[in-house]
C-alpha atoms as a PDB file:
ATOM      1  CA  UNK A   1       0.000   0.000   0.000  1.00  0.00           C
ATOM      2  CA  UNK A   2       1.259   3.466  -0.874  1.00  0.00           C
ATOM      3  CA  UNK A   3      -0.127   6.865  -1.794  1.00  0.00           C
ATOM      4  CA  UNK A   4       0.794  10.186  -3.356  1.00  0.00           C
ATOM      5  CA  UNK A   5      -0.955  13.489  -3.826  1.00  0.00           C
ATOM      6  CA  UNK A   6      -2.136  14.141  -7.377  1.00  0.00           C
ATOM      7  CA  UNK A   7      -0.030  17.303  -7.529  1.00  0.00           C
ATOM      8  CA  UNK A   8       3.101  15.140  -7.168  1.00  0.00           C
ATOM      9  CA  UNK A   9       3.400  13.451 -10.596  1.00  0.00           C
ATOM     10  CA  UNK A  10       7.030  12.422  -9.997  1.00  0.00           C
ATOM     11  CA  UNK A  11       6.043  10.268  -7.016  1.00  0.00           C
ATOM     12  CA  UNK A  12       3.116   8.764  -8.925  1.00  0.00           C
ATOM     13  CA  UNK A  13       5.427   7.963 -11.856  1.00  0.00           C
ATOM     14  CA  UNK A  14       7.950   6.159  -9.646  1.00  0.00           C
ATOM     15  CA  UNK A  15       5.171   4.141  -8.007  1.00  0.00           C
ATOM     16  CA  UNK A  16       3.781   3.250 -11.429  1.00  0.00           C
ATOM     17  CA  UNK A  17       7.211   2.080 -12.617  1.00  0.00           C
ATOM     18  CA  UNK A  18       7.376  -0.191  -9.565  1.00  0.00           C
ATOM     19  CA  UNK A  19       4.056  -1.776 -10.500  1.00  0.00           C
ATOM     20  CA  UNK A  20       1.672   0.007  -8.138  1.00  0.00           C
ATOM     21  CA  UNK A  21      -1.905   0.302  -9.394  1.00  0.00           C
ATOM     22  CA  UNK A  22      -4.513   2.957  -8.472  1.00  0.00           C
ATOM     23  CA  UNK A  23      -6.717   1.929  -5.553  1.00  0.00           C
ATOM     24  CA  UNK A  24      -8.953   4.945  -4.982  1.00  0.00           C
ATOM     25  CA  UNK A  25      -8.850   8.604  -4.054  1.00  0.00           C
ATOM     26  CA  UNK A  26      -9.308  10.501  -0.834  1.00  0.00           C
ATOM     27  CA  UNK A  27      -9.700  14.233  -0.278  1.00  0.00           C
ATOM     28  CA  UNK A  28      -7.815  16.045   2.490  1.00  0.00           C
ATOM     29  CA  UNK A  29      -7.220  19.570   3.750  1.00  0.00           C
ATOM     30  CA  UNK A  30      -3.528  20.502   3.583  1.00  0.00           C
ATOM     31  CA  UNK A  31      -2.607  23.972   4.832  1.00  0.00           C
ATOM     32  CA  UNK A  32      -6.204  25.048   4.293  1.00  0.00           C
ATOM     33  CA  UNK A  33      -6.295  23.813   0.676  1.00  0.00           C
ATOM     34  CA  UNK A  34      -8.089  20.836  -0.839  1.00  0.00           C
ATOM     35  CA  UNK A  35      -5.640  18.061  -1.792  1.00  0.00           C
ATOM     36  CA  UNK A  36      -6.480  14.758  -3.482  1.00  0.00           C
ATOM     37  CA  UNK A  37      -4.517  11.696  -2.447  1.00  0.00           C
ATOM     38  CA  UNK A  38      -4.197   8.753  -4.861  1.00  0.00           C
ATOM     39  CA  UNK A  39      -4.073   5.462  -2.981  1.00  0.00           C
ATOM     40  CA  UNK A  40      -1.929   2.792  -4.625  1.00  0.00           C
ATOM     41  CA  UNK A  41      -1.752  -0.972  -4.196  1.00  0.00           C
ATOM     42  CA  UNK A  42       0.930  -3.459  -5.195  1.00  0.00           C
ATOM     43  CA  UNK A  43      -0.583  -6.843  -5.999  1.00  0.00           C
ATOM     44  CA  UNK A  44       1.594  -9.929  -5.519  1.00  0.00           C
ATOM     45  CA  UNK A  45       3.289 -10.925  -8.759  1.00  0.00           C
ATOM     46  CA  UNK A  46       2.986  -7.364 -10.077  1.00  0.00           C
ATOM     47  CA  UNK A  47       6.408  -6.123  -8.998  1.00  0.00           C
ATOM     48  CA  UNK A  48       8.352  -4.807 -11.982  1.00  0.00           C
ATOM     49  CA  UNK A  49      11.696  -5.092 -10.162  1.00  0.00           C
ATOM     50  CA  UNK A  50      11.267  -8.904  -9.985  1.00  0.00           C
ATOM     51  CA  UNK A  51      11.253  -9.265 -13.784  1.00  0.00           C
END
Protein backbone atom coordinates (compact mmCIF):
# COMPACT_ATOMS: atom_id res chain seq x y z
CA UNK A 1 0.00 0.00 0.00
CA UNK A 2 1.26 3.47 -0.87
CA UNK A 3 -0.13 6.87 -1.79
CA UNK A 4 0.79 10.19 -3.36
CA UNK A 5 -0.96 13.49 -3.83
CA UNK A 6 -2.14 14.14 -7.38
CA UNK A 7 -0.03 17.30 -7.53
CA UNK A 8 3.10 15.14 -7.17
CA UNK A 9 3.40 13.45 -10.60
CA UNK A 10 7.03 12.42 -10.00
CA UNK A 11 6.04 10.27 -7.02
CA UNK A 12 3.12 8.76 -8.92
CA UNK A 13 5.43 7.96 -11.86
CA UNK A 14 7.95 6.16 -9.65
CA UNK A 15 5.17 4.14 -8.01
CA UNK A 16 3.78 3.25 -11.43
CA UNK A 17 7.21 2.08 -12.62
CA UNK A 18 7.38 -0.19 -9.57
CA UNK A 19 4.06 -1.78 -10.50
CA UNK A 20 1.67 0.01 -8.14
CA UNK A 21 -1.90 0.30 -9.39
CA UNK A 22 -4.51 2.96 -8.47
CA UNK A 23 -6.72 1.93 -5.55
CA UNK A 24 -8.95 4.94 -4.98
CA UNK A 25 -8.85 8.60 -4.05
CA UNK A 26 -9.31 10.50 -0.83
CA UNK A 27 -9.70 14.23 -0.28
CA UNK A 28 -7.82 16.05 2.49
CA UNK A 29 -7.22 19.57 3.75
CA UNK A 30 -3.53 20.50 3.58
CA UNK A 31 -2.61 23.97 4.83
CA UNK A 32 -6.20 25.05 4.29
CA UNK A 33 -6.29 23.81 0.68
CA UNK A 34 -8.09 20.84 -0.84
CA UNK A 35 -5.64 18.06 -1.79
CA UNK A 36 -6.48 14.76 -3.48
CA UNK A 37 -4.52 11.70 -2.45
CA UNK A 38 -4.20 8.75 -4.86
CA UNK A 39 -4.07 5.46 -2.98
CA UNK A 40 -1.93 2.79 -4.63
CA UNK A 41 -1.75 -0.97 -4.20
CA UNK A 42 0.93 -3.46 -5.20
CA UNK A 43 -0.58 -6.84 -6.00
CA UNK A 44 1.59 -9.93 -5.52
CA UNK A 45 3.29 -10.92 -8.76
CA UNK A 46 2.99 -7.36 -10.08
CA UNK A 47 6.41 -6.12 -9.00
CA UNK A 48 8.35 -4.81 -11.98
CA UNK A 49 11.70 -5.09 -10.16
CA UNK A 50 11.27 -8.90 -9.98
CA UNK A 51 11.25 -9.27 -13.78
